[in-house]
Amino acid sequence: MSTTHEITLFDNDSETELYKHKITLERIKNELISFGLTANQSKVFIYLGKYGSKSASEIAKALQMPRTETYHLVNSLQNMGLVTAELVHPTKYSVMEMKQAIETLVKQEQQRINTLAGKEESLSKLWKEVPFFVVETDESKSEKMQLLHGMGPIINKIKEMTETSTDSIKIYGSIPDVLRLYHSDVFDWIDESSSELQMVISPLSKTPEFISEIDSKKIRVITSDSDKKCFIINDAKEILIFMRNANHATRQTFAWWSDSETLVDMMSSLFDLSWEKGDSLY
């Protein structure tokens, strides 16, 4: 007796009717991952959301997953409040509507953050109760570096840089890089500081509307075949370099921060040379 394979949204056969939804499906799955779900949890959620209530064995068969893993996945989704179990035999599982699911995940994350914030004072108090055991020496200050993974930590570091800045903030990047900084309120933080902004944009194909809000004297444009460079220099004392900027093929962003005097001097020289060769925006 032959068995038939159920064609689902996750099939990659370009000849199937559902293949046209593959790109949209990947976007939905990636967004669910950004809300804290794993790739397989996202697939189970999407499958149940589009095919209705199913048993664990039906899910396992359709998604070609081991049954034991499937039970673990639906149980974890239940614990998140995204899946409900029907009291039938065999047990069938269904998911809530997408909008309600996202609201649930956001509320859980807000509660977690509020809980952590509530521990700030008590943890700081405990920390101060333990004495320092650092032995002071006459050695010169050691240079530091930090690898930042994801836009959240990167933007937090940029905010720290703007809050301590007293002289100048220099930004070099492409239009997508500058847009991302704009939408993260970086330029508002710079305006609130006492520092002067200098920005080199490379390359420039189309001027975004928000650029008109910035004094044109603070912006220079240079022609370049590369749009991969993006870095920020604060007071010629620290630098943040995007290793994967807004033009990188992958979604994940990396940046490297350092207060290395040699590195800051070298990148400052590159910025100053680009500024001198650059053209005025208008």
Protein backbone atom coordinates (compact mmCIF):
# COMPACT_ATOMS: atom_id res chain seq x y z
CA MET A 1 0.00 0.00 0.00
CA SER A 2 1.55 3.28 -1.07
CA THR A 3 1.57 6.34 1.13
CA THR A 4 1.05 9.89 -0.12
CA HIS A 5 3.09 12.83 1.08
CA GLU A 6 1.10 15.89 2.08
CA ILE A 7 2.26 18.97 0.19
CA THR A 8 2.78 21.81 2.68
CA LEU A 9 3.92 25.40 2.64
CA PHE A 10 7.41 24.18 3.49
CA ASP A 11 7.95 22.16 0.32
CA ASN A 12 10.64 23.51 -2.01
CA ASP A 13 9.42 21.93 -5.24
CA SER A 14 9.06 24.82 -7.66
CA GLU A 15 6.33 22.98 -9.54
CA THR A 16 3.91 22.94 -6.59
CA GLU A 17 1.15 25.52 -6.33
CA LEU A 18 2.28 26.53 -2.86
CA TYR A 19 5.86 27.27 -3.86
CA LYS A 20 4.94 30.88 -4.64
CA HIS A 21 4.44 31.45 -0.90
CA LYS A 22 7.98 30.35 -0.03
CA ILE A 23 9.49 33.86 0.17
CA THR A 24 6.64 35.18 2.31
CA LEU A 25 6.89 32.10 4.51
CA GLU A 26 10.61 32.64 5.07
CA ARG A 27 9.97 36.25 6.08
CA ILE A 28 7.29 35.17 8.58
CA LYS A 29 9.54 32.46 10.00
CA ASN A 30 12.46 34.89 10.41
CA GLU A 31 10.22 37.43 12.13
CA LEU A 32 8.93 34.77 14.56
CA ILE A 33 12.55 33.84 15.31
CA SER A 34 13.22 37.50 16.18
CA PHE A 35 10.40 37.21 18.74
CA GLY A 36 12.22 34.35 20.47
CA LEU A 37 10.95 31.22 18.70
CA THR A 38 13.33 28.66 17.25
CA ALA A 39 13.20 27.81 13.55
CA ASN A 40 11.31 24.55 14.21
CA GLN A 41 8.92 26.19 16.68
CA SER A 42 8.16 28.75 13.98
CA LYS A 43 7.48 26.01 11.42
CA VAL A 44 5.09 24.21 13.78
CA PHE A 45 3.29 27.48 14.58
CA ILE A 46 2.92 28.39 10.90
CA TYR A 47 1.80 24.88 9.96
CA LEU A 48 -0.92 24.75 12.62
CA GLY A 49 -1.95 28.32 11.84
CA LYS A 50 -2.56 27.51 8.17
CA TYR A 51 -3.72 23.87 8.38
CA GLY A 52 -5.81 23.94 11.55
CA SER A 53 -5.65 21.63 14.56
CA LYS A 54 -3.45 18.56 14.13
CA SER A 55 -2.11 15.73 16.27
CA ALA A 56 1.58 15.47 17.06
CA SER A 57 1.97 12.54 14.68
CA GLU A 58 0.28 14.51 11.87
CA ILE A 59 2.61 17.46 12.52
CA ALA A 60 5.65 15.18 12.57
CA LYS A 61 4.65 13.52 9.30
CA ALA A 62 3.83 16.77 7.50
CA LEU A 63 6.99 18.56 8.62
CA GLN A 64 9.16 15.42 8.42
CA MET A 65 10.34 15.75 12.02
CA PRO A 66 10.98 13.04 14.63
CA ARG A 67 7.85 12.47 16.71
CA THR A 68 9.71 12.95 20.01
CA GLU A 69 11.00 16.33 18.86
CA THR A 70 7.51 17.30 17.72
CA TYR A 71 6.06 16.60 21.17
CA HIS A 72 8.80 18.75 22.68
CA LEU A 73 8.04 21.58 20.23
CA VAL A 74 4.27 21.65 20.83
CA ASN A 75 4.82 21.47 24.60
CA SER A 76 7.24 24.40 24.49
CA LEU A 77 4.74 26.40 22.41
CA GLN A 78 2.06 25.55 24.99
CA ASN A 79 4.33 26.87 27.73
CA MET A 80 4.62 30.13 25.78
CA GLY A 81 0.85 30.34 25.62
CA LEU A 82 0.76 30.09 21.83
CA VAL A 83 -0.69 26.57 21.46
CA THR A 84 -3.72 24.92 23.05
CA ALA A 85 -4.41 21.19 23.31
CA GLU A 86 -7.85 19.72 22.55
CA LEU A 87 -9.13 17.04 24.95
CA VAL A 88 -9.60 14.36 22.30
CA HIS A 89 -7.75 11.18 21.46
CA PRO A 90 -5.26 11.52 19.99
CA THR A 91 -4.60 15.00 21.38
CA LYS A 92 -4.84 17.72 18.77
CA TYR A 93 -3.09 21.06 18.90
CA SER A 94 -4.10 24.46 17.56
CA VAL A 95 -2.57 27.95 17.67
CA MET A 96 -3.98 31.38 18.38
CA GLU A 97 -4.25 34.09 15.75
CA MET A 98 -0.97 35.72 14.71
CA LYS A 99 -1.85 39.16 16.13
CA GLN A 100 -2.78 37.66 19.50
CA ALA A 101 0.35 35.49 19.48
CA ILE A 102 2.64 38.48 18.90
CA GLU A 103 0.88 40.45 21.64
CA THR A 104 1.43 37.51 24.00
CA LEU A 105 5.15 37.29 23.17
CA VAL A 106 5.61 41.06 23.55
CA LYS A 107 3.87 41.08 26.95
CA GLN A 108 6.05 38.21 28.16
CA GLU A 109 9.20 40.05 27.06
CA GLN A 110 8.01 43.26 28.74
CA GLN A 111 7.35 41.37 31.97
CA ARG A 112 10.83 39.83 31.80
CA ILE A 113 12.43 43.26 31.29
CA ASN A 114 10.40 44.78 34.12
CA THR A 115 11.49 41.96 36.41
CA LEU A 116 15.15 42.51 35.50
CA ALA A 117 14.81 46.29 35.95
CA GLY A 118 13.35 45.70 39.41
CA LYS A 119 16.49 43.84 40.42
CA GLU A 120 18.84 46.67 39.40
CA GLU A 121 18.96 48.44 42.77
CA SER A 122 19.27 45.30 44.91
CA LEU A 123 21.96 43.81 42.68
CA SER A 124 23.94 47.06 42.66
CA LYS A 125 23.73 47.17 46.47
CA LEU A 126 24.99 43.59 46.76
CA TRP A 127 27.81 44.36 44.34
CA LYS A 128 29.01 47.30 46.43
CA GLU A 129 29.13 45.11 49.53
CA VAL A 130 32.00 43.12 48.00
CA PRO A 131 35.34 45.01 48.16
CA PHE A 132 37.61 45.53 45.17
CA PHE A 133 40.78 43.46 45.06
CA VAL A 134 42.50 45.31 42.21
CA VAL A 135 46.08 46.28 42.94
CA GLU A 136 46.89 49.68 41.49
CA THR A 137 50.03 49.85 39.35
CA ASP A 138 51.88 52.46 37.34
CA GLU A 139 51.26 50.65 34.09
CA SER A 140 49.74 52.70 31.29
CA LYS A 141 46.08 52.24 30.47
CA SER A 142 45.48 49.11 28.44
CA GLU A 143 43.52 49.42 25.21
CA LYS A 144 40.18 47.65 25.00
CA MET A 145 38.01 46.11 22.32
CA GLN A 146 34.50 44.66 22.24
CA LEU A 147 32.62 42.60 19.65
CA LEU A 148 28.95 43.55 19.44
CA HIS A 149 26.42 41.11 18.01
CA GLY A 150 23.03 42.45 16.84
CA MET A 151 21.58 45.95 16.45
CA GLY A 152 20.36 46.19 20.07
CA PRO A 153 23.82 46.07 21.70
CA ILE A 154 25.31 48.14 18.86
CA ILE A 155 22.80 50.97 19.27
CA ASN A 156 23.29 50.90 23.05
CA LYS A 157 27.05 51.32 22.52
CA ILE A 158 26.47 54.23 20.12
CA LYS A 159 24.25 55.88 22.73
CA GLU A 160 27.02 55.51 25.32
CA MET A 161 29.43 57.13 22.86
CA THR A 162 27.13 60.12 22.25
CA GLU A 163 26.50 60.58 25.99
CA THR A 164 30.23 60.84 26.73
CA SER A 165 31.10 62.88 23.64
CA THR A 166 32.31 66.46 24.22
CA ASP A 167 34.02 67.47 20.98
CA SER A 168 33.10 65.68 17.75
CA ILE A 169 31.26 62.71 16.34
CA LYS A 170 32.27 61.55 12.87
CA ILE A 171 30.11 59.15 10.87
CA TYR A 172 31.08 57.41 7.64
CA GLY A 173 28.56 55.18 5.86
CA SER A 174 26.19 54.51 3.01
CA ILE A 175 22.61 55.75 2.79
CA PRO A 176 21.18 52.48 4.26
CA ASP A 177 23.61 52.81 7.18
CA VAL A 178 22.64 56.44 7.79
CA LEU A 179 18.94 55.57 7.54
CA ARG A 180 19.33 52.84 10.13
CA LEU A 181 21.06 55.27 12.50
CA TYR A 182 18.32 57.83 11.88
CA HIS A 183 15.52 55.38 12.71
CA SER A 184 17.43 54.39 15.88
CA ASP A 185 17.37 58.05 17.12
CA VAL A 186 21.17 58.37 16.89
CA PHE A 187 20.98 61.85 15.34
CA ASP A 188 18.65 63.01 18.13
CA TRP A 189 21.26 61.89 20.70
CA ILE A 190 23.97 63.77 18.82
CA ASP A 191 21.80 66.93 18.78
CA GLU A 192 21.41 66.63 22.57
CA SER A 193 25.19 66.41 23.02
CA SER A 194 27.65 69.30 22.86
CA SER A 195 29.59 67.69 20.01
CA GLU A 196 29.82 68.74 16.39
CA LEU A 197 28.66 66.25 13.76
CA GLN A 198 30.62 65.49 10.60
CA MET A 199 29.23 62.88 8.23
CA VAL A 200 30.62 61.41 5.02
CA ILE A 201 28.12 59.51 2.87
CA SER A 202 29.41 57.09 0.25
CA PRO A 203 28.02 56.38 -2.23
CA LEU A 204 24.97 58.66 -2.64
CA SER A 205 22.42 57.69 -5.30
CA LYS A 206 19.32 59.29 -3.82
CA THR A 207 19.04 61.80 -0.98
CA PRO A 208 16.59 60.69 1.75
CA GLU A 209 14.11 63.30 2.94
CA PHE A 210 15.41 63.35 6.51
CA ILE A 211 18.85 64.53 5.31
CA SER A 212 17.34 67.97 4.74
CA GLU A 213 16.84 68.21 8.53
CA ILE A 214 20.63 68.14 9.03
CA ASP A 215 22.83 71.18 8.40
CA SER A 216 24.32 70.59 4.93
CA LYS A 217 27.67 71.99 6.16
CA LYS A 218 27.99 68.88 8.33
CA ILE A 219 27.72 66.47 5.36
CA ARG A 220 30.09 65.56 2.54
CA VAL A 221 29.54 63.09 -0.28
CA ILE A 222 32.19 61.01 -2.04
CA THR A 223 31.95 58.69 -5.02
CA SER A 224 32.89 55.10 -4.26
CA ASP A 225 32.47 51.66 -5.80
CA SER A 226 32.03 50.16 -2.34
CA ASP A 227 29.13 50.61 0.07
CA LYS A 228 30.47 48.21 2.71
CA LYS A 229 32.25 50.69 5.01
CA CYS A 230 30.53 52.17 8.03
CA PHE A 231 32.14 53.51 11.20
CA ILE A 232 31.65 56.09 13.95
CA ILE A 233 34.43 57.99 15.74
CA ASN A 234 33.87 59.76 19.05
CA ASP A 235 36.20 62.57 20.16
CA ALA A 236 39.15 60.88 18.43
CA LYS A 237 39.27 58.50 21.41
CA GLU A 238 37.03 55.55 20.47
CA ILE A 239 35.62 53.97 17.32
CA LEU A 240 32.83 51.62 16.36
CA ILE A 241 33.26 49.77 13.06
CA PHE A 242 30.44 47.81 11.45
CA MET A 243 31.81 44.46 10.31
CA ARG A 244 28.48 43.68 8.68
CA ASN A 245 26.67 46.86 7.83
CA ALA A 246 23.21 47.57 6.41
CA ASN A 247 24.30 46.48 2.92
CA HIS A 248 25.51 43.05 4.01
CA ALA A 249 23.70 40.07 2.49
CA THR A 250 22.86 38.50 5.86
CA ARG A 251 20.33 39.84 8.35
CA GLN A 252 22.68 39.63 11.31
CA THR A 253 24.80 42.70 12.09
CA PHE A 254 28.21 42.75 13.78
CA ALA A 255 30.27 45.69 14.97
CA TRP A 256 33.66 46.10 16.62
CA TRP A 257 34.32 48.80 19.24
CA SER A 258 37.75 49.83 20.44
CA ASP A 259 39.59 52.66 22.16
CA SER A 260 42.89 51.68 20.53
CA GLU A 261 44.79 54.91 19.91
CA THR A 262 46.47 53.49 16.81
CA LEU A 263 43.21 52.29 15.27
CA VAL A 264 41.34 55.51 16.10
CA ASP A 265 44.15 57.62 14.59
CA MET A 266 44.21 55.51 11.43
CA MET A 267 40.44 55.63 10.89
CA SER A 268 40.34 59.34 11.76
CA SER A 269 42.90 59.95 9.03
CA LEU A 270 40.74 58.00 6.58
CA PHE A 271 37.68 60.03 7.57
CA ASP A 272 39.51 63.37 7.35
CA LEU A 273 40.89 62.50 3.91
CA SER A 274 37.40 61.49 2.71
CA TRP A 275 35.99 64.72 4.16
CA GLU A 276 38.56 66.84 2.33
CA LYS A 277 37.92 65.06 -0.99
CA GLY A 278 34.16 65.03 -0.53
CA ASP A 279 31.65 67.31 -2.22
CA SER A 280 29.08 69.44 -0.45
CA LEU A 281 25.59 67.96 -0.40
CA TYR A 282 23.99 71.01 -2.04
